[in-house]
Amino acid sequence: MIFDIGRVLIHWDPRHLYEKLIDDPEELDWFLKEVVNLEWHHEHDRGLPFAASLAGKAMEYPAYRDLIYAYRERWRETIPGEIKGAVEILQKLHSRGVPLFALTNYSAETFPELEAEFGWLKCFREIVVSGREGLVKPEMPIFHLAKARFGLKSGEALFVDDRLDNIKSGAAAGFIGHHFTGAEKLEKDLKARGLL
């Protein structure tokens, strides 16, 4: 099995941090849409260093410099915790000897901090981290890289991700997809497949 990590095994949303720092709801929505938006975060996942991205964004929005830099200084606050039902499923699969891998869009700078905190990441035999590879989901090259690195054949692995575009790309690379919308649905699917 191949797992995504963010929004499958851990909760992640920059709003968790910035709602503590911006009181006005309209300004908060604007800031998350226009300044530290998902497109900007995606570039960290692709491997862009925070030093470069923060400086560039601060030049673009100088009035928000401190808030922009707060993302790296307090990035851990974007993760309120693990998705417990999903992590329990992961641990059950591990105890049953199911080969487990991870394919995640994540910054190479912050991922080691994640590994240091969440011990269950050791359940994975190998993890492909986008920021280390300079490749991101849903683009096809990272799926081909993961398939080769994990030593998998087409139709051999179930791929769990919260984004449909990633599931579609995974399917094109030969993975069987499960669109993650909650731990209960995942558990039911795995039981039906005889994995749990």
Foldseek 3Di string as FASTA:
>chain_A
DEEEPDPQWWDFDCCLVCVVVDVDPVVSVCCQPPQVDPVLQLVLLLADDPVVSLVVSCVVPVVCSVVSVVCVVVVVSRTPTTQVLSLVVLVVLLVVVNAYEYEYRDHPVCVVVVCVPDVSVVSHPYYHRNNVVSDDPPDQPSLLVVCVVVVHDAPGEEYEDQDPSNQVSNVVSRHHYDNDPGSVVVVVVCVVVVSD
